[in-house]
Amino acid sequence: MRATLMSYFLLGLIRVLTGSQARWWGCPPKAEQRIYFANHQSHADLVMIWAALPKELRRNTRAIAARDYWTKTAFKQWLTTAVFNVIYVSRERNADEDPLEPLIEALHNGDSIILFPEGTRGHSDEPQPFKAGLYNLAQRFPDIELVPAWINNVQRVMPKGEVVPVPVLCSVTFGVPLHLQADEDRHAFLARARAAVIALREV
């Protein structure tokens, strides 16, 4: 019950602060399994893209979150576990673990996921080069649609180092789904995926 009430509170707060505009430019909001991948400039990105999804999509869509940051306090851990149902990933390299294993398990279970392929927040107008995770998932799950998304202005809502959000009109634009092409190598695919995200900035 507490988690449900918190989700309603956060949805209302996000809509007041940002307008929470979802723009389905390249595809409709279908309740089917997808991998959404977006630019990453703020910790608020996770909340913004979650709020942009319709209720029937939020139910089965899980964002990726850095374990070291989102489990620092009991409240953050409760919020990301009980409200957002995130998939925790470790940013520390461990030779004995596949960092994609939690994502692979979620996809095998039928969940959709929200991925930030830069791996960490950027501070420029364009995303940093994408890491290999998106390519590896595209190889393993060729039938799942890869939907690019551009999150606009959210870094101004919660600038780095600030704890009080500032009201700013924000939007999430969803683009045309991609698939890994036959014989497309990692560098070409990641460059194409990154370009698809950047192109949505001008839509």
C-alpha atoms as a PDB file:
ATOM      1  CA  MET A   1       0.000   0.000   0.000  1.00  0.00           C
ATOM      2  CA  ARG A   2       2.791   2.448   0.905  1.00  0.00           C
ATOM      3  CA  ALA A   3       4.524   1.758  -2.406  1.00  0.00           C
ATOM      4  CA  THR A   4       1.300   2.381  -4.347  1.00  0.00           C
ATOM      5  CA  LEU A   5       0.673   5.661  -2.528  1.00  0.00           C
ATOM      6  CA  MET A   6       4.265   6.739  -3.125  1.00  0.00           C
ATOM      7  CA  SER A   7       3.958   5.970  -6.844  1.00  0.00           C
ATOM      8  CA  TYR A   8       0.839   8.169  -7.089  1.00  0.00           C
ATOM      9  CA  PHE A   9       2.590  10.930  -5.138  1.00  0.00           C
ATOM     10  CA  LEU A  10       5.670  10.811  -7.383  1.00  0.00           C
ATOM     11  CA  LEU A  11       3.582  10.808 -10.556  1.00  0.00           C
ATOM     12  CA  GLY A  12       1.743  13.897  -9.349  1.00  0.00           C
ATOM     13  CA  LEU A  13       4.956  15.618  -8.281  1.00  0.00           C
ATOM     14  CA  ILE A  14       6.681  14.874 -11.590  1.00  0.00           C
ATOM     15  CA  ARG A  15       3.730  16.211 -13.565  1.00  0.00           C
ATOM     16  CA  VAL A  16       3.725  19.422 -11.511  1.00  0.00           C
ATOM     17  CA  LEU A  17       7.492  19.929 -11.833  1.00  0.00           C
ATOM     18  CA  THR A  18       8.009  18.865 -15.430  1.00  0.00           C
ATOM     19  CA  GLY A  19       4.708  18.570 -17.274  1.00  0.00           C
ATOM     20  CA  SER A  20       5.825  14.960 -17.902  1.00  0.00           C
ATOM     21  CA  GLN A  21       5.187  15.041 -21.650  1.00  0.00           C
ATOM     22  CA  ALA A  22       5.478  11.688 -23.417  1.00  0.00           C
ATOM     23  CA  ARG A  23       5.849  12.035 -27.180  1.00  0.00           C
ATOM     24  CA  TRP A  24       5.364   8.729 -29.024  1.00  0.00           C
ATOM     25  CA  TRP A  25       6.821   9.966 -32.295  1.00  0.00           C
ATOM     26  CA  GLY A  26       8.224   6.774 -33.778  1.00  0.00           C
ATOM     27  CA  CYS A  27       6.043   4.056 -32.253  1.00  0.00           C
ATOM     28  CA  PRO A  28       2.825   3.668 -30.247  1.00  0.00           C
ATOM     29  CA  PRO A  29       2.864   2.857 -26.511  1.00  0.00           C
ATOM     30  CA  LYS A  30       2.220  -0.864 -26.924  1.00  0.00           C
ATOM     31  CA  ALA A  31       2.178  -3.268 -23.982  1.00  0.00           C
ATOM     32  CA  GLU A  32       4.779  -5.560 -25.554  1.00  0.00           C
ATOM     33  CA  GLN A  33       8.289  -6.479 -24.537  1.00  0.00           C
ATOM     34  CA  ARG A  34      10.823  -3.782 -25.425  1.00  0.00           C
ATOM     35  CA  ILE A  35      14.232  -2.427 -24.511  1.00  0.00           C
ATOM     36  CA  TYR A  36      14.002   1.357 -24.142  1.00  0.00           C
ATOM     37  CA  PHE A  37      17.372   3.117 -24.318  1.00  0.00           C
ATOM     38  CA  ALA A  38      17.901   6.803 -23.633  1.00  0.00           C
ATOM     39  CA  ASN A  39      20.378   9.593 -22.948  1.00  0.00           C
ATOM     40  CA  HIS A  40      21.477  10.024 -19.340  1.00  0.00           C
ATOM     41  CA  GLN A  41      22.186  13.387 -17.679  1.00  0.00           C
ATOM     42  CA  SER A  42      20.544  13.178 -14.259  1.00  0.00           C
ATOM     43  CA  HIS A  43      19.531  10.739 -11.532  1.00  0.00           C
ATOM     44  CA  ALA A  44      16.007  12.000 -12.267  1.00  0.00           C
ATOM     45  CA  ASP A  45      16.145  10.286 -15.704  1.00  0.00           C
ATOM     46  CA  LEU A  46      14.995   7.028 -14.142  1.00  0.00           C
ATOM     47  CA  VAL A  47      11.936   8.678 -12.617  1.00  0.00           C
ATOM     48  CA  MET A  48      11.165  10.785 -15.701  1.00  0.00           C
ATOM     49  CA  ILE A  49      11.084   7.949 -18.217  1.00  0.00           C
ATOM     50  CA  TRP A  50       9.137   5.735 -15.755  1.00  0.00           C
ATOM     51  CA  ALA A  51       6.521   8.478 -15.382  1.00  0.00           C
ATOM     52  CA  ALA A  52       6.320   8.959 -19.172  1.00  0.00           C
ATOM     53  CA  LEU A  53       5.116   5.383 -19.693  1.00  0.00           C
ATOM     54  CA  PRO A  54       1.386   4.627 -19.491  1.00  0.00           C
ATOM     55  CA  LYS A  55       0.296   2.653 -16.440  1.00  0.00           C
ATOM     56  CA  GLU A  56      -0.104  -0.604 -18.364  1.00  0.00           C
ATOM     57  CA  LEU A  57       3.514  -0.333 -19.576  1.00  0.00           C
ATOM     58  CA  ARG A  58       4.993   0.731 -16.221  1.00  0.00           C
ATOM     59  CA  ARG A  59       3.707  -2.469 -14.658  1.00  0.00           C
ATOM     60  CA  ASN A  60       6.124  -4.635 -16.658  1.00  0.00           C
ATOM     61  CA  THR A  61       8.922  -2.170 -17.435  1.00  0.00           C
ATOM     62  CA  ARG A  62      11.989  -2.062 -15.180  1.00  0.00           C
ATOM     63  CA  ALA A  63      14.742   0.528 -15.192  1.00  0.00           C
ATOM     64  CA  ILE A  64      18.416  -0.237 -14.683  1.00  0.00           C
ATOM     65  CA  ALA A  65      19.929   1.440 -11.615  1.00  0.00           C
ATOM     66  CA  ALA A  66      23.440   1.559 -10.160  1.00  0.00           C
ATOM     67  CA  ARG A  67      23.489  -0.526  -6.993  1.00  0.00           C
ATOM     68  CA  ASP A  68      26.155   1.571  -5.236  1.00  0.00           C
ATOM     69  CA  TYR A  69      24.118   4.800  -5.577  1.00  0.00           C
ATOM     70  CA  TRP A  70      20.535   3.600  -5.144  1.00  0.00           C
ATOM     71  CA  THR A  71      21.214   1.420  -2.084  1.00  0.00           C
ATOM     72  CA  LYS A  72      23.173   4.024  -0.101  1.00  0.00           C
ATOM     73  CA  THR A  73      20.219   4.654   2.198  1.00  0.00           C
ATOM     74  CA  ALA A  74      17.288   2.537   3.297  1.00  0.00           C
ATOM     75  CA  PHE A  75      14.845   5.001   1.719  1.00  0.00           C
ATOM     76  CA  LYS A  76      16.565   4.953  -1.698  1.00  0.00           C
ATOM     77  CA  GLN A  77      16.648   1.184  -1.629  1.00  0.00           C
ATOM     78  CA  TRP A  78      12.969   0.951  -0.663  1.00  0.00           C
ATOM     79  CA  LEU A  79      12.007   3.492  -3.340  1.00  0.00           C
ATOM     80  CA  THR A  80      13.835   1.721  -6.150  1.00  0.00           C
ATOM     81  CA  THR A  81      12.778  -1.752  -5.026  1.00  0.00           C
ATOM     82  CA  ALA A  82       9.166  -1.299  -3.902  1.00  0.00           C
ATOM     83  CA  VAL A  83       8.055   1.585  -6.151  1.00  0.00           C
ATOM     84  CA  PHE A  84      10.154   1.381  -9.314  1.00  0.00           C
ATOM     85  CA  ASN A  85      11.055  -2.348  -9.221  1.00  0.00           C
ATOM     86  CA  VAL A  86      14.465  -1.541 -10.724  1.00  0.00           C
ATOM     87  CA  ILE A  87      17.151  -3.969 -11.793  1.00  0.00           C
ATOM     88  CA  TYR A  88      20.315  -3.270  -9.816  1.00  0.00           C
ATOM     89  CA  VAL A  89      23.615  -3.496 -11.624  1.00  0.00           C
ATOM     90  CA  SER A  90      27.107  -3.160 -10.228  1.00  0.00           C
ATOM     91  CA  ARG A  91      29.491  -0.571 -11.655  1.00  0.00           C
ATOM     92  CA  GLU A  92      32.440  -2.455 -10.169  1.00  0.00           C
ATOM     93  CA  ARG A  93      34.201  -4.901 -12.441  1.00  0.00           C
ATOM     94  CA  ASN A  94      34.161  -8.492 -11.216  1.00  0.00           C
ATOM     95  CA  ALA A  95      35.751 -11.105 -13.438  1.00  0.00           C
ATOM     96  CA  ASP A  96      33.466 -13.810 -12.039  1.00  0.00           C
ATOM     97  CA  GLU A  97      30.203 -12.000 -12.829  1.00  0.00           C
ATOM     98  CA  ASP A  98      28.463 -11.064 -16.045  1.00  0.00           C
ATOM     99  CA  PRO A  99      27.176  -7.496 -15.469  1.00  0.00           C
ATOM    100  CA  LEU A 100      24.339  -8.179 -17.926  1.00  0.00           C
ATOM    101  CA  GLU A 101      23.035 -11.237 -16.053  1.00  0.00           C
ATOM    102  CA  PRO A 102      20.312  -9.354 -14.082  1.00  0.00           C
ATOM    103  CA  LEU A 103      19.098  -7.755 -17.344  1.00  0.00           C
ATOM    104  CA  ILE A 104      19.121 -11.074 -19.182  1.00  0.00           C
ATOM    105  CA  GLU A 105      17.131 -12.686 -16.374  1.00  0.00           C
ATOM    106  CA  ALA A 106      14.535  -9.888 -16.483  1.00  0.00           C
ATOM    107  CA  LEU A 107      14.172 -10.201 -20.258  1.00  0.00           C
ATOM    108  CA  HIS A 108      13.809 -13.980 -20.012  1.00  0.00           C
ATOM    109  CA  ASN A 109      11.033 -13.349 -17.479  1.00  0.00           C
ATOM    110  CA  GLY A 110       9.159 -11.221 -20.025  1.00  0.00           C
ATOM    111  CA  ASP A 111       9.913  -7.789 -18.579  1.00  0.00           C
ATOM    112  CA  SER A 112      10.715  -4.730 -20.653  1.00  0.00           C
ATOM    113  CA  ILE A 113      13.728  -2.722 -19.499  1.00  0.00           C
ATOM    114  CA  ILE A 114      14.927   0.890 -19.549  1.00  0.00           C
ATOM    115  CA  LEU A 115      18.639   1.153 -20.271  1.00  0.00           C
ATOM    116  CA  PHE A 116      21.073   4.073 -20.283  1.00  0.00           C
ATOM    117  CA  PRO A 117      23.811   2.826 -22.652  1.00  0.00           C
ATOM    118  CA  GLU A 118      26.294   5.557 -21.699  1.00  0.00           C
ATOM    119  CA  GLY A 119      26.714   3.740 -18.400  1.00  0.00           C
ATOM    120  CA  THR A 120      27.048   6.970 -16.432  1.00  0.00           C
ATOM    121  CA  ARG A 121      25.640  10.486 -16.529  1.00  0.00           C
ATOM    122  CA  GLY A 122      26.994  12.839 -19.182  1.00  0.00           C
ATOM    123  CA  HIS A 123      27.441  16.590 -18.896  1.00  0.00           C
ATOM    124  CA  SER A 124      27.381  17.719 -22.534  1.00  0.00           C
ATOM    125  CA  ASP A 125      24.567  18.288 -25.010  1.00  0.00           C
ATOM    126  CA  GLU A 126      25.154  14.924 -26.686  1.00  0.00           C
ATOM    127  CA  PRO A 127      25.366  11.443 -25.158  1.00  0.00           C
ATOM    128  CA  GLN A 128      28.733   9.893 -24.511  1.00  0.00           C
ATOM    129  CA  PRO A 129      29.709   6.885 -26.658  1.00  0.00           C
ATOM    130  CA  PHE A 130      27.477   3.897 -25.896  1.00  0.00           C
ATOM    131  CA  LYS A 131      28.918   0.915 -24.062  1.00  0.00           C
ATOM    132  CA  ALA A 132      28.642  -2.626 -25.398  1.00  0.00           C
ATOM    133  CA  GLY A 133      25.730  -3.780 -23.203  1.00  0.00           C
ATOM    134  CA  LEU A 134      22.999  -2.687 -25.623  1.00  0.00           C
ATOM    135  CA  TYR A 135      24.718  -4.514 -28.501  1.00  0.00           C
ATOM    136  CA  ASN A 136      25.118  -7.699 -26.449  1.00  0.00           C
ATOM    137  CA  LEU A 137      21.434  -7.658 -25.487  1.00  0.00           C
ATOM    138  CA  ALA A 138      20.424  -7.037 -29.112  1.00  0.00           C
ATOM    139  CA  GLN A 139      22.432 -10.120 -30.087  1.00  0.00           C
ATOM    140  CA  ARG A 140      20.879 -12.323 -27.429  1.00  0.00           C
ATOM    141  CA  PHE A 141      17.291 -11.075 -27.905  1.00  0.00           C
ATOM    142  CA  PRO A 142      16.929 -10.323 -31.632  1.00  0.00           C
ATOM    143  CA  ASP A 143      13.113 -10.366 -31.548  1.00  0.00           C
ATOM    144  CA  ILE A 144      12.761  -7.666 -28.880  1.00  0.00           C
ATOM    145  CA  GLU A 145      12.256  -4.128 -30.169  1.00  0.00           C
ATOM    146  CA  LEU A 146      14.911  -1.580 -29.226  1.00  0.00           C
ATOM    147  CA  VAL A 147      13.203   1.781 -28.750  1.00  0.00           C
ATOM    148  CA  PRO A 148      15.386   4.926 -28.612  1.00  0.00           C
ATOM    149  CA  ALA A 149      14.273   7.782 -26.372  1.00  0.00           C
ATOM    150  CA  TRP A 150      15.414  11.364 -25.790  1.00  0.00           C
ATOM    151  CA  ILE A 151      14.883  12.837 -22.327  1.00  0.00           C
ATOM    152  CA  ASN A 152      14.783  16.618 -22.664  1.00  0.00           C
ATOM    153  CA  ASN A 153      15.564  19.185 -19.950  1.00  0.00           C
ATOM    154  CA  VAL A 154      15.479  16.839 -16.958  1.00  0.00           C
ATOM    155  CA  GLN A 155      19.061  17.778 -15.985  1.00  0.00           C
ATOM    156  CA  ARG A 156      17.736  21.273 -15.269  1.00  0.00           C
ATOM    157  CA  VAL A 157      15.099  19.900 -12.893  1.00  0.00           C
ATOM    158  CA  MET A 158      17.707  18.256 -10.685  1.00  0.00           C
ATOM    159  CA  PRO A 159      21.167  19.705 -11.440  1.00  0.00           C
ATOM    160  CA  LYS A 160      24.171  17.764 -10.176  1.00  0.00           C
ATOM    161  CA  GLY A 161      24.777  18.417  -6.487  1.00  0.00           C
ATOM    162  CA  GLU A 162      21.313  19.887  -5.862  1.00  0.00           C
ATOM    163  CA  VAL A 163      18.678  18.314  -3.616  1.00  0.00           C
ATOM    164  CA  VAL A 164      15.702  20.590  -4.313  1.00  0.00           C
ATOM    165  CA  PRO A 165      14.073  20.142  -7.764  1.00  0.00           C
ATOM    166  CA  VAL A 166      13.293  23.171  -9.934  1.00  0.00           C
ATOM    167  CA  PRO A 167      10.098  23.309 -12.084  1.00  0.00           C
ATOM    168  CA  VAL A 168      11.085  23.004 -15.759  1.00  0.00           C
ATOM    169  CA  LEU A 169       9.034  21.750 -18.731  1.00  0.00           C
ATOM    170  CA  CYS A 170      10.416  18.348 -19.739  1.00  0.00           C
ATOM    171  CA  SER A 171       9.555  15.650 -22.249  1.00  0.00           C
ATOM    172  CA  VAL A 172      10.464  12.137 -23.309  1.00  0.00           C
ATOM    173  CA  THR A 173      10.366  11.452 -27.056  1.00  0.00           C
ATOM    174  CA  PHE A 174      10.224   7.801 -28.176  1.00  0.00           C
ATOM    175  CA  GLY A 175      11.582   6.986 -31.619  1.00  0.00           C
ATOM    176  CA  VAL A 176      11.377   4.319 -34.302  1.00  0.00           C
ATOM    177  CA  PRO A 177      12.343   0.856 -32.984  1.00  0.00           C
ATOM    178  CA  LEU A 178      15.668  -0.616 -34.074  1.00  0.00           C
ATOM    179  CA  HIS A 179      16.935  -4.127 -34.572  1.00  0.00           C
ATOM    180  CA  LEU A 180      20.473  -5.412 -34.951  1.00  0.00           C
ATOM    181  CA  GLN A 181      21.096  -5.891 -38.665  1.00  0.00           C
ATOM    182  CA  ALA A 182      22.668  -9.011 -40.130  1.00  0.00           C
ATOM    183  CA  ASP A 183      26.475  -8.854 -39.963  1.00  0.00           C
ATOM    184  CA  GLU A 184      26.355  -5.430 -38.257  1.00  0.00           C
ATOM    185  CA  ASP A 185      29.380  -5.119 -35.987  1.00  0.00           C
ATOM    186  CA  ARG A 186      29.364  -3.673 -32.490  1.00  0.00           C
ATOM    187  CA  HIS A 187      30.842  -0.274 -33.333  1.00  0.00           C
ATOM    188  CA  ALA A 188      28.474   0.325 -36.259  1.00  0.00           C
ATOM    189  CA  PHE A 189      25.416  -0.722 -34.265  1.00  0.00           C
ATOM    190  CA  LEU A 190      26.266   1.388 -31.215  1.00  0.00           C
ATOM    191  CA  ALA A 191      26.964   4.415 -33.412  1.00  0.00           C
ATOM    192  CA  ARG A 192      23.597   3.922 -35.165  1.00  0.00           C
ATOM    193  CA  ALA A 193      21.758   3.517 -31.848  1.00  0.00           C
ATOM    194  CA  ARG A 194      23.383   6.649 -30.418  1.00  0.00           C
ATOM    195  CA  ALA A 195      22.536   8.617 -33.572  1.00  0.00           C
ATOM    196  CA  ALA A 196      18.896   7.470 -33.278  1.00  0.00           C
ATOM    197  CA  VAL A 197      18.729   8.911 -29.744  1.00  0.00           C
ATOM    198  CA  ILE A 198      20.385  12.205 -30.735  1.00  0.00           C
ATOM    199  CA  ALA A 199      18.072  12.608 -33.754  1.00  0.00           C
ATOM    200  CA  LEU A 200      15.060  12.680 -31.411  1.00  0.00           C
ATOM    201  CA  ARG A 201      16.343  15.917 -29.889  1.00  0.00           C
ATOM    202  CA  GLU A 202      15.220  17.751 -33.030  1.00  0.00           C
ATOM    203  CA  VAL A 203      11.788  16.109 -33.325  1.00  0.00           C
END
